[in-house]
């Protein structure tokens, strides 16, 4: 009796399920990348505004702004976003639309 099993013996699924998992991971990575780009844009825009000095600022304020910008960028990318994540996904997956939807 042979005790060594094939490493993927318990993971045999249809290739379609594997493709779906890969597609989900790719779509999530593209969405995360779009969120990262959006956060950088939001941070750059915020840095371009002159500070009034009315509020204290400091480390806690900067940390709060960073966390708020991070959440805002994730929500923006999770919705319609800029479309960068979708374009990146189509390009990396090899799935391009042949027709333009209105």
C-alpha atoms as a PDB file:
ATOM      1  CA  UNK A   1       0.000   0.000   0.000  1.00  0.00           C
ATOM      2  CA  UNK A   2       1.340   3.392  -0.941  1.00  0.00           C
ATOM      3  CA  UNK A   3       1.039   5.977   1.851  1.00  0.00           C
ATOM      4  CA  UNK A   4       2.248   9.017  -0.008  1.00  0.00           C
ATOM      5  CA  UNK A   5      -0.563  10.894  -1.614  1.00  0.00           C
ATOM      6  CA  UNK A   6      -0.512  13.380  -4.409  1.00  0.00           C
ATOM      7  CA  UNK A   7      -0.267  16.907  -2.908  1.00  0.00           C
ATOM      8  CA  UNK A   8      -3.475  18.011  -4.592  1.00  0.00           C
ATOM      9  CA  UNK A   9      -5.433  14.794  -4.081  1.00  0.00           C
ATOM     10  CA  UNK A  10      -8.027  16.412  -1.836  1.00  0.00           C
ATOM     11  CA  UNK A  11      -8.156  19.589  -3.906  1.00  0.00           C
ATOM     12  CA  UNK A  12      -9.311  18.157  -7.205  1.00  0.00           C
ATOM     13  CA  UNK A  13     -11.996  20.490  -8.455  1.00  0.00           C
ATOM     14  CA  UNK A  14     -13.106  21.478 -11.876  1.00  0.00           C
ATOM     15  CA  UNK A  15     -10.845  23.821 -13.745  1.00  0.00           C
ATOM     16  CA  UNK A  16     -13.724  26.287 -13.844  1.00  0.00           C
ATOM     17  CA  UNK A  17     -13.775  26.507 -10.037  1.00  0.00           C
ATOM     18  CA  UNK A  18     -10.005  27.049  -9.998  1.00  0.00           C
ATOM     19  CA  UNK A  19     -10.341  29.762 -12.620  1.00  0.00           C
ATOM     20  CA  UNK A  20     -13.092  31.392 -10.592  1.00  0.00           C
ATOM     21  CA  UNK A  21     -10.865  31.433  -7.496  1.00  0.00           C
ATOM     22  CA  UNK A  22      -8.001  32.909  -9.512  1.00  0.00           C
ATOM     23  CA  UNK A  23     -10.347  35.483 -11.011  1.00  0.00           C
ATOM     24  CA  UNK A  24     -11.640  36.450  -7.566  1.00  0.00           C
ATOM     25  CA  UNK A  25      -8.113  36.874  -6.257  1.00  0.00           C
ATOM     26  CA  UNK A  26      -7.110  38.899  -9.307  1.00  0.00           C
ATOM     27  CA  UNK A  27     -10.203  41.082  -9.067  1.00  0.00           C
ATOM     28  CA  UNK A  28      -9.524  41.726  -5.376  1.00  0.00           C
ATOM     29  CA  UNK A  29      -5.874  42.569  -6.054  1.00  0.00           C
ATOM     30  CA  UNK A  30      -6.903  44.995  -8.806  1.00  0.00           C
ATOM     31  CA  UNK A  31      -9.460  46.607  -6.479  1.00  0.00           C
ATOM     32  CA  UNK A  32      -6.852  46.913  -3.725  1.00  0.00           C
ATOM     33  CA  UNK A  33      -4.445  48.515  -6.191  1.00  0.00           C
ATOM     34  CA  UNK A  34      -7.091  51.026  -7.236  1.00  0.00           C
ATOM     35  CA  UNK A  35      -7.767  51.796  -3.553  1.00  0.00           C
ATOM     36  CA  UNK A  36      -4.047  52.390  -3.023  1.00  0.00           C
ATOM     37  CA  UNK A  37      -3.883  54.808  -5.958  1.00  0.00           C
ATOM     38  CA  UNK A  38      -6.991  56.616  -4.709  1.00  0.00           C
ATOM     39  CA  UNK A  39      -5.509  56.935  -1.217  1.00  0.00           C
ATOM     40  CA  UNK A  40      -2.342  58.474  -2.648  1.00  0.00           C
ATOM     41  CA  UNK A  41      -4.448  60.937  -4.640  1.00  0.00           C
ATOM     42  CA  UNK A  42      -6.545  61.883  -1.599  1.00  0.00           C
ATOM     43  CA  UNK A  43      -3.433  62.311   0.552  1.00  0.00           C
ATOM     44  CA  UNK A  44      -1.758  64.476  -2.081  1.00  0.00           C
ATOM     45  CA  UNK A  45      -4.854  66.639  -2.421  1.00  0.00           C
ATOM     46  CA  UNK A  46      -5.097  67.016   1.353  1.00  0.00           C
ATOM     47  CA  UNK A  47      -1.411  67.997   1.579  1.00  0.00           C
ATOM     48  CA  UNK A  48      -1.925  70.698  -1.051  1.00  0.00           C
ATOM     49  CA  UNK A  49      -4.436  72.545   1.163  1.00  0.00           C
ATOM     50  CA  UNK A  50      -2.788  75.070   3.496  1.00  0.00           C
ATOM     51  CA  UNK A  51      -3.309  74.364   7.194  1.00  0.00           C
ATOM     52  CA  UNK A  52      -5.159  77.086   9.073  1.00  0.00           C
ATOM     53  CA  UNK A  53      -3.597  76.378  12.451  1.00  0.00           C
ATOM     54  CA  UNK A  54      -7.017  76.593  14.078  1.00  0.00           C
ATOM     55  CA  UNK A  55      -6.915  72.952  15.125  1.00  0.00           C
ATOM     56  CA  UNK A  56      -3.943  71.417  16.877  1.00  0.00           C
ATOM     57  CA  UNK A  57      -2.917  68.897  14.251  1.00  0.00           C
ATOM     58  CA  UNK A  58      -0.249  66.654  15.713  1.00  0.00           C
ATOM     59  CA  UNK A  59       0.353  62.936  15.437  1.00  0.00           C
ATOM     60  CA  UNK A  60      -3.148  61.797  16.443  1.00  0.00           C
ATOM     61  CA  UNK A  61      -4.774  64.042  13.856  1.00  0.00           C
ATOM     62  CA  UNK A  62      -2.455  62.789  11.108  1.00  0.00           C
ATOM     63  CA  UNK A  63      -3.126  59.181  12.106  1.00  0.00           C
ATOM     64  CA  UNK A  64      -6.883  59.753  12.079  1.00  0.00           C
ATOM     65  CA  UNK A  65      -6.719  61.453   8.667  1.00  0.00           C
ATOM     66  CA  UNK A  66      -4.672  58.567   7.284  1.00  0.00           C
ATOM     67  CA  UNK A  67      -7.155  55.967   8.538  1.00  0.00           C
ATOM     68  CA  UNK A  68     -10.083  58.010   7.227  1.00  0.00           C
ATOM     69  CA  UNK A  69      -8.434  58.423   3.829  1.00  0.00           C
ATOM     70  CA  UNK A  70      -7.753  54.679   3.729  1.00  0.00           C
ATOM     71  CA  UNK A  71     -11.389  53.840   4.436  1.00  0.00           C
ATOM     72  CA  UNK A  72     -12.657  56.429   1.962  1.00  0.00           C
ATOM     73  CA  UNK A  73     -10.402  55.095  -0.782  1.00  0.00           C
ATOM     74  CA  UNK A  74     -11.542  51.503  -0.137  1.00  0.00           C
ATOM     75  CA  UNK A  75     -15.189  52.537  -0.343  1.00  0.00           C
ATOM     76  CA  UNK A  76     -14.562  54.484  -3.531  1.00  0.00           C
ATOM     77  CA  UNK A  77     -12.720  51.562  -5.143  1.00  0.00           C
ATOM     78  CA  UNK A  78     -15.414  49.134  -3.953  1.00  0.00           C
ATOM     79  CA  UNK A  79     -18.078  51.143  -5.721  1.00  0.00           C
ATOM     80  CA  UNK A  80     -17.689  52.408  -9.241  1.00  0.00           C
ATOM     81  CA  UNK A  81     -14.315  53.978  -8.485  1.00  0.00           C
ATOM     82  CA  UNK A  82     -12.281  55.427 -11.312  1.00  0.00           C
ATOM     83  CA  UNK A  83     -12.494  52.251 -13.351  1.00  0.00           C
ATOM     84  CA  UNK A  84      -8.765  51.642 -13.043  1.00  0.00           C
ATOM     85  CA  UNK A  85      -9.275  48.342 -11.203  1.00  0.00           C
ATOM     86  CA  UNK A  86     -11.656  47.052 -13.867  1.00  0.00           C
ATOM     87  CA  UNK A  87      -9.332  48.018 -16.719  1.00  0.00           C
ATOM     88  CA  UNK A  88      -6.382  46.430 -14.940  1.00  0.00           C
ATOM     89  CA  UNK A  89      -8.409  43.257 -14.278  1.00  0.00           C
ATOM     90  CA  UNK A  90      -9.478  42.943 -17.911  1.00  0.00           C
ATOM     91  CA  UNK A  91      -5.942  43.471 -19.111  1.00  0.00           C
ATOM     92  CA  UNK A  92      -4.353  40.980 -16.704  1.00  0.00           C
ATOM     93  CA  UNK A  93      -7.038  38.324 -17.135  1.00  0.00           C
ATOM     94  CA  UNK A  94      -7.064  38.559 -20.920  1.00  0.00           C
ATOM     95  CA  UNK A  95     -10.755  39.368 -20.940  1.00  0.00           C
ATOM     96  CA  UNK A  96     -11.421  42.460 -22.961  1.00  0.00           C
ATOM     97  CA  UNK A  97     -14.833  43.661 -23.936  1.00  0.00           C
ATOM     98  CA  UNK A  98     -15.479  43.510 -27.620  1.00  0.00           C
ATOM     99  CA  UNK A  99     -18.549  45.699 -27.327  1.00  0.00           C
ATOM    100  CA  UNK A 100     -18.920  48.951 -25.485  1.00  0.00           C
ATOM    101  CA  UNK A 101     -21.852  49.155 -23.095  1.00  0.00           C
ATOM    102  CA  UNK A 102     -23.685  52.410 -22.635  1.00  0.00           C
END
